[in-house]
Protein backbone atom coordinates (compact mmCIF):
# COMPACT_ATOMS: atom_id res chain seq x y z
CA MET A 1 84.06 42.45 185.65
CA ASN A 2 85.47 45.88 184.95
CA ILE A 3 86.02 46.82 181.29
CA SER A 4 88.10 49.78 180.14
CA PHE A 5 86.91 51.26 176.86
CA PHE A 6 87.17 54.21 174.51
CA LYS A 7 84.29 55.67 172.51
CA TYR A 8 84.95 56.69 168.89
CA GLN A 9 82.72 58.05 166.15
CA GLY A 10 83.08 58.40 162.40
CA THR A 11 80.42 60.72 160.91
CA GLY A 12 78.01 59.70 163.65
CA ASN A 13 78.64 55.96 163.38
CA ASP A 14 79.77 55.26 166.97
CA PHE A 15 81.75 52.39 168.46
CA VAL A 16 82.97 51.02 171.78
CA MET A 17 86.70 50.42 171.27
CA ILE A 18 88.54 47.91 173.47
CA ASP A 19 92.29 47.31 173.59
CA ASP A 20 92.28 43.51 173.62
CA ARG A 21 95.93 42.81 172.79
CA GLU A 22 96.05 40.47 175.79
CA ASN A 23 92.99 38.53 174.52
CA SER A 24 91.18 39.01 177.83
CA PHE A 25 87.77 39.98 176.40
CA ASP A 26 85.34 37.09 175.93
CA HIS A 27 84.35 37.67 172.30
CA GLN A 28 81.89 34.76 172.46
CA ASP A 29 79.76 36.56 175.06
CA LEU A 30 77.34 38.12 172.58
CA GLU A 31 74.97 39.16 175.36
CA LEU A 32 77.76 41.28 176.83
CA ILE A 33 78.43 42.90 173.47
CA SER A 34 74.76 43.78 173.06
CA ARG A 35 74.68 45.15 176.60
CA LEU A 36 77.68 47.41 175.94
CA CYS A 37 75.93 48.80 172.85
CA ASP A 38 72.62 49.42 174.65
CA ARG A 39 72.00 53.17 174.72
CA LYS A 40 69.90 53.03 177.88
CA PHE A 41 71.55 50.34 180.01
CA GLY A 42 75.08 50.25 178.60
CA ILE A 43 77.58 52.59 176.98
CA GLY A 44 75.64 53.02 173.76
CA ALA A 45 77.06 52.34 170.30
CA ASP A 46 76.41 50.91 166.85
CA GLY A 47 79.06 48.25 167.49
CA VAL A 48 81.99 46.96 169.53
CA ILE A 49 85.54 46.78 168.13
CA LEU A 50 88.38 44.76 169.63
CA ILE A 51 91.98 45.61 168.69
CA ARG A 52 94.15 42.49 168.82
CA ASN A 53 97.72 41.56 167.95
CA HIS A 54 98.43 39.67 164.73
CA THR A 55 101.69 38.09 163.60
CA ASP A 56 101.35 39.20 159.97
CA TYR A 57 99.70 42.61 160.31
CA ASP A 58 99.98 45.72 162.47
CA PHE A 59 96.78 44.65 164.25
CA GLU A 60 93.53 42.77 163.80
CA MET A 61 90.15 44.48 164.02
CA VAL A 62 87.38 42.23 165.41
CA TYR A 63 84.04 43.94 164.82
CA PHE A 64 80.61 43.15 166.28
CA ASN A 65 77.30 44.77 165.40
CA ALA A 66 75.06 45.83 168.26
CA ASP A 67 73.21 42.48 168.10
CA GLY A 68 76.45 40.49 168.37
CA SER A 69 76.69 39.54 164.70
CA GLN A 70 79.91 40.16 162.78
CA SER A 71 80.58 41.93 159.50
CA MET A 72 82.92 44.39 157.86
CA CYS A 73 82.36 48.00 158.94
CA GLY A 74 84.00 50.80 156.96
CA ASN A 75 83.54 53.59 159.49
CA GLY A 76 84.42 51.16 162.27
CA ALA A 77 87.64 50.27 160.49
CA ARG A 78 88.54 53.95 160.12
CA CYS A 79 87.91 54.41 163.85
CA ALA A 80 90.01 51.31 164.56
CA VAL A 81 92.91 52.89 162.68
CA ALA A 82 92.57 56.10 164.71
CA PHE A 83 92.43 54.05 167.92
CA ALA A 84 95.49 52.01 166.89
CA LYS A 85 97.39 55.25 166.37
CA PHE A 86 96.25 56.47 169.80
CA LEU A 87 97.58 53.23 171.31
CA GLY A 88 100.93 53.73 169.58
CA ILE A 89 100.55 50.66 167.36
CA VAL A 90 100.74 52.59 164.08
CA GLU A 91 101.78 56.03 162.85
CA GLN A 92 100.69 57.51 159.50
CA GLU A 93 100.15 54.28 157.56
CA THR A 94 99.04 50.77 158.44
CA ARG A 95 98.11 47.36 157.10
CA PHE A 96 95.64 45.46 159.27
CA LEU A 97 93.27 42.52 159.13
CA ALA A 98 89.46 42.62 159.22
CA ILE A 99 86.80 39.95 158.72
CA ASP A 100 86.81 40.45 154.94
CA GLY A 101 90.60 40.32 154.63
CA PRO A 102 93.54 42.75 154.78
CA HIS A 103 93.17 46.51 154.47
CA GLU A 104 95.51 49.46 154.12
CA ALA A 105 94.92 52.86 155.68
CA LYS A 106 96.45 56.30 156.01
CA ILE A 107 95.82 58.73 158.85
CA ASP A 108 96.44 62.48 159.03
CA GLN A 109 95.25 63.96 162.33
CA SER A 110 91.51 63.03 162.44
CA LEU A 111 91.19 62.18 158.73
CA VAL A 112 91.46 58.48 157.90
CA GLU A 113 91.66 57.01 154.39
CA LEU A 114 90.74 53.33 154.26
CA ARG A 115 91.40 51.09 151.28
CA MET A 116 88.45 48.81 150.60
CA GLY A 117 88.42 45.53 148.67
CA ASN A 118 87.94 45.51 144.90
CA VAL A 119 84.38 45.15 143.58
CA PRO A 120 84.00 43.37 140.22
CA ASP A 121 80.58 44.78 139.33
CA THR A 122 77.14 45.86 140.49
CA GLU A 123 74.02 43.68 140.33
CA ARG A 124 70.64 44.94 139.14
CA VAL A 125 67.68 44.03 141.40
CA GLU A 126 64.60 45.20 139.49
CA GLU A 127 64.87 49.01 139.77
CA ASP A 128 67.50 48.83 142.52
CA LEU A 129 71.13 47.69 142.83
CA PHE A 130 73.01 45.21 145.00
CA ILE A 131 76.71 45.61 145.81
CA ASP A 132 78.91 43.76 148.30
CA THR A 133 81.66 46.01 149.67
CA GLY A 134 82.68 43.64 152.45
CA SER A 135 79.11 43.79 153.72
CA PRO A 136 75.96 43.35 151.57
CA HIS A 137 74.12 46.48 150.44
CA HIS A 138 70.82 46.91 148.63
CA LEU A 139 70.73 50.37 147.02
CA ARG A 140 67.62 52.35 146.06
CA LYS A 141 67.61 55.75 144.37
CA VAL A 142 64.94 58.06 145.82
CA ASN A 143 63.89 61.69 145.67
CA GLU A 144 63.87 63.78 148.86
CA VAL A 145 65.81 61.25 150.92
CA LYS A 146 65.65 63.45 154.03
CA THR A 147 61.89 62.82 154.31
CA TYR A 148 61.88 59.22 153.05
CA PRO A 149 60.55 56.54 155.49
CA ILE A 150 63.94 54.85 155.91
CA VAL A 151 63.12 52.45 158.74
CA MET A 152 59.78 51.26 157.36
CA GLU A 153 61.08 50.69 153.82
CA GLY A 154 64.44 49.41 155.00
CA LYS A 155 62.85 46.66 157.10
CA LYS A 156 60.88 45.42 154.09
CA VAL A 157 64.02 44.89 152.03
CA ARG A 158 66.21 43.68 154.91
CA HIS A 159 63.76 40.85 155.70
CA SER A 160 62.72 40.05 152.12
CA GLU A 161 62.94 36.54 150.64
CA ARG A 162 65.81 37.59 148.40
CA TYR A 163 68.07 38.06 151.45
CA PRO A 164 67.70 35.06 153.79
CA LEU A 165 70.72 36.27 155.78
CA GLY A 166 69.58 39.89 155.66
CA THR A 167 71.17 42.92 154.04
CA ASN A 168 71.90 46.56 154.70
CA VAL A 169 69.66 48.94 152.78
CA ASN A 170 70.83 52.29 151.43
CA PHE A 171 68.59 55.06 150.13
CA VAL A 172 70.39 57.44 147.80
CA GLU A 173 69.53 60.88 146.48
CA LEU A 174 71.60 62.27 143.61
CA LEU A 175 72.53 65.86 144.47
CA GLY A 176 74.65 66.48 141.37
CA GLU A 177 77.33 64.81 139.34
CA ASN A 178 79.34 62.70 141.79
CA GLU A 179 77.62 64.06 144.90
CA LEU A 180 75.14 61.93 146.85
CA PHE A 181 73.08 62.02 150.03
CA VAL A 182 72.91 58.55 151.59
CA ARG A 183 70.78 57.22 154.44
CA THR A 184 71.12 53.66 155.74
CA PHE A 185 69.01 51.02 157.45
CA GLU A 186 71.75 48.88 158.98
CA ARG A 187 71.55 45.13 159.48
CA GLY A 188 72.71 44.15 162.98
CA VAL A 189 71.68 47.50 164.41
CA GLU A 190 68.16 46.99 162.98
CA ASP A 191 67.61 50.72 162.70
CA GLU A 192 68.86 53.72 160.79
CA THR A 193 72.41 54.77 161.59
CA LEU A 194 73.77 58.26 161.01
CA SER A 195 76.34 56.90 158.57
CA CYS A 196 77.61 53.60 157.13
CA GLY A 197 81.05 53.33 155.56
CA THR A 198 80.53 50.19 153.47
CA GLY A 199 77.14 51.60 152.49
CA VAL A 200 78.36 54.95 151.21
CA THR A 201 81.12 53.10 149.37
CA ALA A 202 78.50 50.94 147.67
CA ALA A 203 76.43 54.03 146.84
CA ALA A 204 79.43 55.76 145.29
CA LEU A 205 80.21 52.75 143.10
CA GLY A 206 76.58 52.31 142.13
CA PHE A 207 75.76 55.90 141.28
CA GLY A 208 79.11 57.61 140.68
CA THR A 209 80.56 58.22 137.23
CA LYS A 210 82.44 55.28 135.73
CA ASN A 211 85.58 57.13 134.78
CA GLN A 212 89.13 55.85 135.03
CA ASN A 213 89.66 57.78 138.26
CA GLN A 214 86.82 59.28 140.23
CA THR A 215 85.96 60.87 143.60
CA VAL A 216 82.38 60.97 144.85
CA LYS A 217 81.28 63.34 147.62
CA ILE A 218 78.95 61.73 150.16
CA ASN A 219 76.57 63.51 152.53
CA THR A 220 75.09 61.61 155.48
CA LEU A 221 73.09 62.66 158.53
CA GLY A 222 76.30 62.32 160.56
CA GLY A 223 78.66 64.26 158.31
CA ASN A 224 80.56 64.21 155.04
CA LEU A 225 82.66 61.46 153.49
CA ALA A 226 84.31 60.83 150.12
CA VAL A 227 84.93 57.71 148.08
CA ARG A 228 87.78 57.58 145.58
CA TYR A 229 88.09 54.74 143.09
CA ALA A 230 89.33 53.61 139.70
CA TRP A 231 87.11 51.94 137.12
CA ASP A 232 88.16 49.40 134.52
CA ALA A 233 85.67 47.98 132.02
CA GLU A 234 87.06 44.45 132.41
CA ARG A 235 88.08 44.33 136.07
CA GLY A 236 85.45 46.62 137.59
CA PHE A 237 86.10 48.90 140.58
CA GLU A 238 89.64 48.98 141.95
CA ASP A 239 91.78 51.08 144.27
CA ILE A 240 88.71 52.03 146.35
CA TRP A 241 89.29 54.41 149.26
CA LEU A 242 86.78 55.52 151.91
CA ILE A 243 87.80 58.91 153.31
CA GLY A 244 86.48 60.76 156.34
CA PRO A 245 86.97 61.79 159.97
CA ALA A 246 87.38 59.42 162.94
CA GLU A 247 87.42 60.94 166.41
CA GLN A 248 87.72 59.85 170.02
CA VAL A 249 84.70 60.99 172.04
CA PHE A 250 85.51 59.84 175.57
CA ALA A 251 87.09 57.06 177.64
CA GLY A 252 85.77 55.22 180.64
CA ASN A 253 85.25 52.04 182.63
CA ILE A 254 82.11 50.00 182.99
CA GLU A 255 81.30 47.35 185.60
CA ILE A 256 79.48 44.38 184.10
């Protein structure tokens, strides 16, 4: 079987993008998905994204982690929007469907702004936080995050009794008021990724200032992002936007 694909990346979070508007890709073949993501024997990526038609939305994004599991992926969704524009499905604005529900997005050249779902509140877990931004995230504030043992400590939390289904783990250093450096141990990849969109969104909500309108600058190993949101004491976090670049890296075909 020959598969045509495009490779996209959003601040180092990379994805195999497949135009599946004819529903020809076997999305139940999880072994194939893992093989495509393999960095030694496949294309290499943090996940696979299928773009499919939908009667009520501009398109549907079907996302798979490298191990074949499914979840919401913020950077993947931003790349999906850029890919949909490349395919001529959308122009500057779009409304599309993901696993956690509908999303809106705006695109200006390589910059994509993605509207995330509302988040009622954060949950305290001893000295840490837990926030679900479409995917689960355990957040820990640390000093000197660049030298912190992300993989070793991330595995401990990801496989802890508190999370029988697993969780993503984010380690956050406060650089200043409303500026963070975030590193992520990502569930489904089972390793550190250079960036995580739902994770940096969770970090911004957990450690950003709770003002009526706020923008938090995010640094990751893969590049810079921003999270804009509104805070209401009764309703929580609303009007949440994840903002950053999404770029096509290359296109190709692979024989499976």
